[in-house]
Amino acid sequence: MWHAIRRWFDPSELRSVGTTPDYRFSLANERTFLAWLRTGLALVAGGLAAAQFLPPLPLRHLREAIALGLLLLGGAVAVRAVDHWARTERAIRLGEELPVSRFPAILALIVGLSALLLVVAMLVKGVGGW
């Protein structure tokens, strides 16, 4: 595990394997990494917005749970992004198949289920408030 984390911060180790790829592949990998970072930042911003702007919901601490979940998910996406970037860059340099990941599907399910939970909570609040 520590070896993988060290690879994130030590570009010379990453460049010591394989051969230098066509720069377009490395730049595409970097753009994907940046897109994942934007997703992580959006989740963190959503968590902060939920904590600050959602009204109290009918279930006790639901607002805080949603905010905390979004914040944690945003952090996980950022960490996952750098790990995937390093593994992909290594695979490109070695001419191997790119690493596959279930993370995008898991992330989509978590976000979708969270949105559904929020819709239900808002509907319950709306019906109860009449």
N, C-alpha and C. Protein backbone atom coordinates (compact mmCIF):
# COMPACT_ATOMS: atom_id res chain seq x y z
N MET A 1 0.82 -1.19 0.00
CA MET A 1 0.00 0.00 0.00
C MET A 1 0.87 1.26 0.00
N TRP A 2 1.90 1.29 0.86
CA TRP A 2 2.75 2.48 0.95
C TRP A 2 3.50 2.71 -0.35
N HIS A 3 3.82 1.61 -1.04
CA HIS A 3 4.51 1.74 -2.32
C HIS A 3 3.62 2.45 -3.33
N ALA A 4 2.33 2.11 -3.33
CA ALA A 4 1.39 2.76 -4.25
C ALA A 4 1.24 4.24 -3.91
N ILE A 5 1.17 4.56 -2.64
CA ILE A 5 1.03 5.96 -2.22
C ILE A 5 2.29 6.74 -2.58
N ARG A 6 3.44 6.12 -2.40
CA ARG A 6 4.70 6.79 -2.75
C ARG A 6 4.74 7.12 -4.24
N ARG A 7 4.18 6.22 -5.07
CA ARG A 7 4.13 6.43 -6.52
C ARG A 7 3.36 7.69 -6.87
N TRP A 8 2.37 8.06 -6.05
CA TRP A 8 1.57 9.26 -6.32
C TRP A 8 2.43 10.51 -6.28
N PHE A 9 3.41 10.53 -5.38
CA PHE A 9 4.18 11.74 -5.11
C PHE A 9 5.59 11.72 -5.69
N ASP A 10 5.98 10.62 -6.31
CA ASP A 10 7.34 10.50 -6.81
C ASP A 10 7.33 10.24 -8.32
N PRO A 11 7.30 11.32 -9.11
CA PRO A 11 7.24 11.14 -10.56
C PRO A 11 8.45 10.40 -11.13
N SER A 12 9.60 10.50 -10.47
CA SER A 12 10.78 9.82 -11.00
C SER A 12 10.60 8.31 -10.94
N GLU A 13 9.94 7.80 -9.92
CA GLU A 13 9.68 6.36 -9.84
C GLU A 13 8.75 5.92 -10.95
N LEU A 14 7.75 6.73 -11.21
CA LEU A 14 6.80 6.41 -12.28
C LEU A 14 7.50 6.42 -13.64
N ARG A 15 8.40 7.36 -13.83
CA ARG A 15 9.11 7.46 -15.11
C ARG A 15 10.21 6.43 -15.26
N SER A 16 10.53 5.72 -14.19
CA SER A 16 11.61 4.73 -14.27
C SER A 16 11.15 3.41 -14.86
N VAL A 17 9.85 3.23 -15.05
CA VAL A 17 9.35 1.97 -15.63
C VAL A 17 8.97 2.18 -17.08
N GLY A 18 9.17 1.14 -17.87
CA GLY A 18 8.71 1.16 -19.25
C GLY A 18 9.39 2.22 -20.09
N THR A 19 8.68 2.61 -21.15
CA THR A 19 9.20 3.61 -22.08
C THR A 19 8.30 4.83 -22.08
N THR A 20 8.88 5.93 -22.51
CA THR A 20 8.11 7.18 -22.57
C THR A 20 7.02 7.04 -23.63
N PRO A 21 5.76 7.22 -23.24
CA PRO A 21 4.68 7.07 -24.21
C PRO A 21 4.50 8.33 -25.05
N ASP A 22 3.67 8.23 -26.05
CA ASP A 22 3.25 9.40 -26.81
C ASP A 22 2.62 10.36 -25.80
N TYR A 23 3.05 11.60 -25.80
CA TYR A 23 2.60 12.55 -24.78
C TYR A 23 1.09 12.72 -24.77
N ARG A 24 0.43 12.49 -25.92
CA ARG A 24 -1.02 12.65 -25.97
C ARG A 24 -1.73 11.69 -25.03
N PHE A 25 -1.17 10.49 -24.86
CA PHE A 25 -1.79 9.53 -23.94
C PHE A 25 -1.65 9.99 -22.49
N SER A 26 -0.48 10.50 -22.16
CA SER A 26 -0.27 11.01 -20.80
C SER A 26 -1.17 12.21 -20.52
N LEU A 27 -1.31 13.10 -21.52
CA LEU A 27 -2.17 14.26 -21.33
C LEU A 27 -3.64 13.85 -21.21
N ALA A 28 -4.06 12.86 -21.97
CA ALA A 28 -5.44 12.36 -21.85
C ALA A 28 -5.67 11.76 -20.46
N ASN A 29 -4.68 11.04 -19.96
CA ASN A 29 -4.77 10.47 -18.61
C ASN A 29 -4.88 11.60 -17.58
N GLU A 30 -4.11 12.66 -17.78
CA GLU A 30 -4.16 13.79 -16.87
C GLU A 30 -5.51 14.50 -16.92
N ARG A 31 -6.09 14.64 -18.10
CA ARG A 31 -7.41 15.26 -18.21
C ARG A 31 -8.47 14.43 -17.49
N THR A 32 -8.36 13.11 -17.59
CA THR A 32 -9.29 12.25 -16.88
C THR A 32 -9.13 12.42 -15.37
N PHE A 33 -7.90 12.49 -14.93
CA PHE A 33 -7.61 12.73 -13.51
C PHE A 33 -8.24 14.03 -13.04
N LEU A 34 -8.07 15.09 -13.84
CA LEU A 34 -8.64 16.39 -13.47
C LEU A 34 -10.16 16.35 -13.45
N ALA A 35 -10.76 15.60 -14.35
CA ALA A 35 -12.23 15.46 -14.35
C ALA A 35 -12.69 14.77 -13.06
N TRP A 36 -11.96 13.75 -12.63
CA TRP A 36 -12.31 13.09 -11.37
C TRP A 36 -12.14 14.05 -10.19
N LEU A 37 -11.10 14.87 -10.23
CA LEU A 37 -10.92 15.85 -9.15
C LEU A 37 -12.07 16.85 -9.12
N ARG A 38 -12.53 17.28 -10.28
CA ARG A 38 -13.69 18.19 -10.33
C ARG A 38 -14.92 17.51 -9.75
N THR A 39 -15.08 16.23 -10.03
CA THR A 39 -16.21 15.49 -9.46
C THR A 39 -16.10 15.45 -7.94
N GLY A 40 -14.90 15.18 -7.43
CA GLY A 40 -14.69 15.17 -5.98
C GLY A 40 -14.98 16.53 -5.36
N LEU A 41 -14.52 17.59 -6.01
CA LEU A 41 -14.79 18.94 -5.50
C LEU A 41 -16.28 19.26 -5.52
N ALA A 42 -16.98 18.81 -6.57
CA ALA A 42 -18.42 19.05 -6.65
C ALA A 42 -19.15 18.33 -5.52
N LEU A 43 -18.71 17.12 -5.20
CA LEU A 43 -19.34 16.38 -4.10
C LEU A 43 -19.06 17.07 -2.76
N VAL A 44 -17.85 17.55 -2.57
CA VAL A 44 -17.53 18.29 -1.34
C VAL A 44 -18.37 19.56 -1.26
N ALA A 45 -18.48 20.29 -2.37
CA ALA A 45 -19.32 21.49 -2.38
C ALA A 45 -20.77 21.15 -2.09
N GLY A 46 -21.25 20.03 -2.64
CA GLY A 46 -22.61 19.59 -2.35
C GLY A 46 -22.80 19.26 -0.89
N GLY A 47 -21.79 18.65 -0.29
CA GLY A 47 -21.86 18.34 1.14
C GLY A 47 -21.92 19.60 1.99
N LEU A 48 -21.10 20.59 1.64
CA LEU A 48 -21.14 21.85 2.37
C LEU A 48 -22.47 22.56 2.17
N ALA A 49 -22.98 22.53 0.94
CA ALA A 49 -24.27 23.16 0.66
C ALA A 49 -25.39 22.47 1.44
N ALA A 50 -25.35 21.15 1.49
CA ALA A 50 -26.38 20.41 2.23
C ALA A 50 -26.33 20.78 3.71
N ALA A 51 -25.14 20.88 4.25
CA ALA A 51 -25.00 21.22 5.67
C ALA A 51 -25.50 22.63 5.96
N GLN A 52 -25.28 23.54 5.04
CA GLN A 52 -25.61 24.94 5.29
C GLN A 52 -27.00 25.35 4.85
N PHE A 53 -27.50 24.76 3.77
CA PHE A 53 -28.72 25.31 3.17
C PHE A 53 -29.94 24.40 3.19
N LEU A 54 -29.76 23.11 3.42
CA LEU A 54 -30.95 22.26 3.49
C LEU A 54 -31.73 22.60 4.76
N PRO A 55 -33.04 22.66 4.66
CA PRO A 55 -33.82 22.88 5.88
C PRO A 55 -33.79 21.61 6.73
N PRO A 56 -34.13 21.71 7.99
CA PRO A 56 -34.21 20.49 8.79
C PRO A 56 -35.19 19.51 8.13
N LEU A 57 -34.78 18.26 8.05
CA LEU A 57 -35.58 17.23 7.39
C LEU A 57 -36.36 16.44 8.43
N PRO A 58 -37.39 15.70 8.00
CA PRO A 58 -38.26 15.01 8.96
C PRO A 58 -37.54 13.94 9.79
N LEU A 59 -36.52 13.33 9.23
CA LEU A 59 -35.76 12.35 10.00
C LEU A 59 -34.61 13.06 10.70
N ARG A 60 -34.48 12.80 11.97
CA ARG A 60 -33.45 13.46 12.78
C ARG A 60 -32.06 13.19 12.20
N HIS A 61 -31.29 14.22 12.03
CA HIS A 61 -29.90 14.19 11.55
C HIS A 61 -29.75 13.71 10.10
N LEU A 62 -30.83 13.66 9.33
CA LEU A 62 -30.71 13.26 7.93
C LEU A 62 -29.90 14.28 7.14
N ARG A 63 -30.13 15.55 7.40
CA ARG A 63 -29.37 16.59 6.71
C ARG A 63 -27.88 16.43 6.97
N GLU A 64 -27.52 16.18 8.21
CA GLU A 64 -26.11 16.01 8.55
C GLU A 64 -25.54 14.74 7.93
N ALA A 65 -26.35 13.68 7.88
CA ALA A 65 -25.89 12.42 7.28
C ALA A 65 -25.65 12.61 5.79
N ILE A 66 -26.53 13.33 5.11
CA ILE A 66 -26.35 13.59 3.68
C ILE A 66 -25.08 14.41 3.46
N ALA A 67 -24.91 15.46 4.27
CA ALA A 67 -23.73 16.31 4.12
C ALA A 67 -22.45 15.52 4.38
N LEU A 68 -22.44 14.74 5.44
CA LEU A 68 -21.25 13.95 5.77
C LEU A 68 -20.96 12.92 4.68
N GLY A 69 -22.01 12.29 4.17
CA GLY A 69 -21.83 11.32 3.11
C GLY A 69 -21.22 11.94 1.86
N LEU A 70 -21.72 13.10 1.48
CA LEU A 70 -21.18 13.79 0.30
C LEU A 70 -19.73 14.22 0.52
N LEU A 71 -19.43 14.71 1.70
CA LEU A 71 -18.05 15.12 2.00
C LEU A 71 -17.10 13.92 1.94
N LEU A 72 -17.49 12.82 2.55
CA LEU A 72 -16.65 11.62 2.54
C LEU A 72 -16.50 11.06 1.13
N LEU A 73 -17.58 11.06 0.38
CA LEU A 73 -17.54 10.57 -0.99
C LEU A 73 -16.63 11.45 -1.85
N GLY A 74 -16.70 12.76 -1.66
CA GLY A 74 -15.81 13.67 -2.39
C GLY A 74 -14.34 13.40 -2.09
N GLY A 75 -14.04 13.16 -0.83
CA GLY A 75 -12.66 12.81 -0.47
C GLY A 75 -12.23 11.49 -1.07
N ALA A 76 -13.12 10.51 -1.06
CA ALA A 76 -12.80 9.20 -1.63
C ALA A 76 -12.56 9.30 -3.14
N VAL A 77 -13.36 10.12 -3.81
CA VAL A 77 -13.19 10.30 -5.26
C VAL A 77 -11.82 10.93 -5.55
N ALA A 78 -11.41 11.90 -4.76
CA ALA A 78 -10.11 12.54 -4.98
C ALA A 78 -8.96 11.55 -4.80
N VAL A 79 -9.02 10.76 -3.74
CA VAL A 79 -7.97 9.76 -3.50
C VAL A 79 -7.98 8.71 -4.59
N ARG A 80 -9.16 8.28 -4.98
CA ARG A 80 -9.28 7.27 -6.04
C ARG A 80 -8.75 7.83 -7.36
N ALA A 81 -8.96 9.11 -7.60
CA ALA A 81 -8.50 9.73 -8.84
C ALA A 81 -6.98 9.66 -8.98
N VAL A 82 -6.27 10.00 -7.93
CA VAL A 82 -4.81 9.99 -8.02
C VAL A 82 -4.28 8.57 -8.14
N ASP A 83 -4.92 7.62 -7.47
CA ASP A 83 -4.49 6.23 -7.59
C ASP A 83 -4.73 5.71 -9.01
N HIS A 84 -5.88 6.02 -9.57
CA HIS A 84 -6.17 5.56 -10.93
C HIS A 84 -5.23 6.23 -11.94
N TRP A 85 -4.94 7.50 -11.74
CA TRP A 85 -4.00 8.19 -12.62
C TRP A 85 -2.65 7.49 -12.62
N ALA A 86 -2.12 7.19 -11.43
CA ALA A 86 -0.80 6.56 -11.33
C ALA A 86 -0.80 5.16 -11.96
N ARG A 87 -1.85 4.38 -11.68
CA ARG A 87 -1.92 3.03 -12.24
C ARG A 87 -2.05 3.07 -13.76
N THR A 88 -2.82 4.02 -14.27
CA THR A 88 -2.99 4.14 -15.71
C THR A 88 -1.71 4.61 -16.38
N GLU A 89 -1.04 5.57 -15.79
CA GLU A 89 0.23 6.06 -16.35
C GLU A 89 1.26 4.93 -16.41
N ARG A 90 1.30 4.14 -15.37
CA ARG A 90 2.23 3.00 -15.32
C ARG A 90 1.89 1.99 -16.43
N ALA A 91 0.61 1.69 -16.59
CA ALA A 91 0.19 0.74 -17.62
C ALA A 91 0.53 1.27 -19.02
N ILE A 92 0.33 2.56 -19.24
CA ILE A 92 0.67 3.16 -20.54
C ILE A 92 2.16 3.00 -20.81
N ARG A 93 2.97 3.29 -19.81
CA ARG A 93 4.43 3.21 -19.98
C ARG A 93 4.90 1.79 -20.23
N LEU A 94 4.19 0.81 -19.66
CA LEU A 94 4.58 -0.59 -19.83
C LEU A 94 3.90 -1.27 -21.01
N GLY A 95 3.00 -0.54 -21.68
CA GLY A 95 2.30 -1.13 -22.81
C GLY A 95 1.30 -2.19 -22.40
N GLU A 96 0.80 -2.10 -21.17
CA GLU A 96 -0.17 -3.07 -20.66
C GLU A 96 -1.59 -2.57 -20.88
N GLU A 97 -2.55 -3.45 -20.64
CA GLU A 97 -3.94 -3.02 -20.69
C GLU A 97 -4.19 -2.02 -19.58
N LEU A 98 -5.07 -1.08 -19.85
CA LEU A 98 -5.39 -0.08 -18.83
C LEU A 98 -6.14 -0.73 -17.68
N PRO A 99 -5.92 -0.25 -16.45
CA PRO A 99 -6.61 -0.85 -15.30
C PRO A 99 -8.12 -0.60 -15.39
N VAL A 100 -8.87 -1.61 -15.01
CA VAL A 100 -10.32 -1.47 -14.98
C VAL A 100 -10.74 -1.15 -13.55
N SER A 101 -11.91 -0.56 -13.44
CA SER A 101 -12.37 -0.15 -12.13
C SER A 101 -13.89 -0.22 -12.06
N ARG A 102 -14.39 -0.66 -10.92
CA ARG A 102 -15.82 -0.62 -10.66
C ARG A 102 -16.23 0.68 -9.98
N PHE A 103 -15.25 1.50 -9.67
CA PHE A 103 -15.52 2.71 -8.91
C PHE A 103 -16.54 3.64 -9.57
N PRO A 104 -16.46 3.88 -10.89
CA PRO A 104 -17.48 4.75 -11.50
C PRO A 104 -18.90 4.22 -11.32
N ALA A 105 -19.08 2.92 -11.46
CA ALA A 105 -20.42 2.34 -11.28
C ALA A 105 -20.87 2.46 -9.83
N ILE A 106 -19.97 2.20 -8.91
CA ILE A 106 -20.31 2.31 -7.48
C ILE A 106 -20.65 3.76 -7.13
N LEU A 107 -19.85 4.69 -7.63
CA LEU A 107 -20.10 6.10 -7.39
C LEU A 107 -21.46 6.51 -7.94
N ALA A 108 -21.78 6.07 -9.14
CA ALA A 108 -23.07 6.41 -9.74
C ALA A 108 -24.22 5.85 -8.91
N LEU A 109 -24.09 4.63 -8.43
CA LEU A 109 -25.14 4.04 -7.59
C LEU A 109 -25.31 4.81 -6.28
N ILE A 110 -24.20 5.16 -5.65
CA ILE A 110 -24.27 5.89 -4.38
C ILE A 110 -24.93 7.26 -4.59
N VAL A 111 -24.52 7.97 -5.64
CA VAL A 111 -25.10 9.29 -5.90
C VAL A 111 -26.58 9.15 -6.23
N GLY A 112 -26.93 8.18 -7.06
CA GLY A 112 -28.34 7.97 -7.41
C GLY A 112 -29.20 7.61 -6.22
N LEU A 113 -28.72 6.70 -5.37
CA LEU A 113 -29.48 6.32 -4.18
C LEU A 113 -29.59 7.48 -3.20
N SER A 114 -28.52 8.26 -3.10
CA SER A 114 -28.57 9.42 -2.21
C SER A 114 -29.58 10.45 -2.71
N ALA A 115 -29.60 10.67 -4.01
CA ALA A 115 -30.58 11.61 -4.57
C ALA A 115 -32.00 11.10 -4.33
N LEU A 116 -32.22 9.82 -4.50
CA LEU A 116 -33.54 9.24 -4.25
C LEU A 116 -33.93 9.42 -2.78
N LEU A 117 -33.00 9.18 -1.88
CA LEU A 117 -33.26 9.37 -0.45
C LEU A 117 -33.63 10.82 -0.16
N LEU A 118 -32.94 11.74 -0.77
CA LEU A 118 -33.22 13.16 -0.56
C LEU A 118 -34.59 13.53 -1.12
N VAL A 119 -34.94 13.00 -2.28
CA VAL A 119 -36.27 13.27 -2.86
C VAL A 119 -37.36 12.75 -1.93
N VAL A 120 -37.19 11.54 -1.43
CA VAL A 120 -38.19 10.97 -0.50
C VAL A 120 -38.29 11.83 0.74
N ALA A 121 -37.16 12.25 1.29
CA ALA A 121 -37.18 13.06 2.50
C ALA A 121 -37.88 14.40 2.24
N MET A 122 -37.62 15.01 1.11
CA MET A 122 -38.25 16.28 0.80
C MET A 122 -39.76 16.11 0.56
N LEU A 123 -40.18 15.00 -0.06
CA LEU A 123 -41.59 14.73 -0.26
C LEU A 123 -42.30 14.51 1.07
N VAL A 124 -41.65 13.77 1.96
CA VAL A 124 -42.23 13.54 3.30
C VAL A 124 -42.38 14.86 4.03
N LYS A 125 -41.38 15.70 3.94
CA LYS A 125 -41.43 17.00 4.59
C LYS A 125 -42.54 17.85 3.96
N GLY A 126 -42.65 17.83 2.62
CA GLY A 126 -43.67 18.60 1.93
C GLY A 126 -45.07 18.15 2.27
N VAL A 127 -45.31 16.85 2.32
CA VAL A 127 -46.63 16.31 2.65
C VAL A 127 -46.95 16.57 4.11
N GLY A 128 -45.94 16.40 4.96
CA GLY A 128 -46.18 16.63 6.40
C GLY A 128 -46.38 18.08 6.74
N GLY A 129 -45.84 18.99 5.90
CA GLY A 129 -45.96 20.42 6.18
C GLY A 129 -47.29 21.02 5.77
N TRP A 130 -48.13 20.28 5.05
CA TRP A 130 -49.40 20.82 4.58
C TRP A 130 -50.39 20.81 5.65
